């Protein structure tokens, strides 16, 4: 199941990196917009 949350600064700041795995959090309002959380803890946006 795809994780969908209303993306905002707090959600991204609180996103926990997972060891050796990157994952995406999809936005509930903008279809196809997501933030990727890297295993290193870095965050990036994808459309």
C-alpha atoms as a PDB file:
ATOM      1  CA  UNK A   1       0.000   0.000   0.000  1.00  0.00           C
ATOM      2  CA  UNK A   2       1.256   3.437  -0.912  1.00  0.00           C
ATOM      3  CA  UNK A   3       1.776   5.800   2.007  1.00  0.00           C
ATOM      4  CA  UNK A   4      -0.210   9.032   1.441  1.00  0.00           C
ATOM      5  CA  UNK A   5      -0.058  12.050   3.749  1.00  0.00           C
ATOM      6  CA  UNK A   6      -0.730  15.743   3.391  1.00  0.00           C
ATOM      7  CA  UNK A   7       2.861  16.820   2.746  1.00  0.00           C
ATOM      8  CA  UNK A   8       4.080  19.753   4.787  1.00  0.00           C
ATOM      9  CA  UNK A   9       7.301  20.815   6.465  1.00  0.00           C
ATOM     10  CA  UNK A  10       6.590  18.911   9.704  1.00  0.00           C
ATOM     11  CA  UNK A  11       5.830  15.628   7.909  1.00  0.00           C
ATOM     12  CA  UNK A  12       9.098  15.845   5.970  1.00  0.00           C
ATOM     13  CA  UNK A  13      11.141  16.879   9.002  1.00  0.00           C
ATOM     14  CA  UNK A  14       9.728  13.952  11.033  1.00  0.00           C
ATOM     15  CA  UNK A  15      10.192  11.328   8.274  1.00  0.00           C
ATOM     16  CA  UNK A  16      12.583   8.692   9.598  1.00  0.00           C
ATOM     17  CA  UNK A  17      15.205   7.182   7.267  1.00  0.00           C
ATOM     18  CA  UNK A  18      15.207   3.398   7.013  1.00  0.00           C
ATOM     19  CA  UNK A  19      18.554   1.554   6.866  1.00  0.00           C
ATOM     20  CA  UNK A  20      19.630   0.674   3.283  1.00  0.00           C
ATOM     21  CA  UNK A  21      16.178   1.586   1.879  1.00  0.00           C
ATOM     22  CA  UNK A  22      14.713   4.721   0.333  1.00  0.00           C
ATOM     23  CA  UNK A  23      10.951   5.251   0.241  1.00  0.00           C
ATOM     24  CA  UNK A  24       8.383   7.763  -1.000  1.00  0.00           C
ATOM     25  CA  UNK A  25       5.584   9.569   0.797  1.00  0.00           C
ATOM     26  CA  UNK A  26       2.876  10.626  -1.670  1.00  0.00           C
ATOM     27  CA  UNK A  27       0.798  13.774  -1.212  1.00  0.00           C
ATOM     28  CA  UNK A  28      -2.960  13.458  -0.688  1.00  0.00           C
ATOM     29  CA  UNK A  29      -3.787  16.722  -2.527  1.00  0.00           C
ATOM     30  CA  UNK A  30      -1.489  16.702  -5.579  1.00  0.00           C
ATOM     31  CA  UNK A  31      -1.759  13.400  -7.442  1.00  0.00           C
ATOM     32  CA  UNK A  32       1.667  12.121  -8.525  1.00  0.00           C
ATOM     33  CA  UNK A  33       3.640  14.414  -6.174  1.00  0.00           C
ATOM     34  CA  UNK A  34       5.863  12.678  -3.650  1.00  0.00           C
ATOM     35  CA  UNK A  35       8.801  13.200  -1.342  1.00  0.00           C
ATOM     36  CA  UNK A  36      11.556  10.583  -1.306  1.00  0.00           C
ATOM     37  CA  UNK A  37      13.360   9.815   1.957  1.00  0.00           C
ATOM     38  CA  UNK A  38      16.831   8.393   1.356  1.00  0.00           C
ATOM     39  CA  UNK A  39      18.549   5.927   3.674  1.00  0.00           C
ATOM     40  CA  UNK A  40      21.121   8.655   4.389  1.00  0.00           C
ATOM     41  CA  UNK A  41      18.350  10.887   5.745  1.00  0.00           C
ATOM     42  CA  UNK A  42      18.277  13.229   2.745  1.00  0.00           C
ATOM     43  CA  UNK A  43      14.890  14.322   1.394  1.00  0.00           C
ATOM     44  CA  UNK A  44      13.984  15.122  -2.224  1.00  0.00           C
ATOM     45  CA  UNK A  45      10.803  15.930  -4.125  1.00  0.00           C
ATOM     46  CA  UNK A  46       9.507  14.126  -7.185  1.00  0.00           C
ATOM     47  CA  UNK A  47       6.661  14.946  -9.500  1.00  0.00           C
END
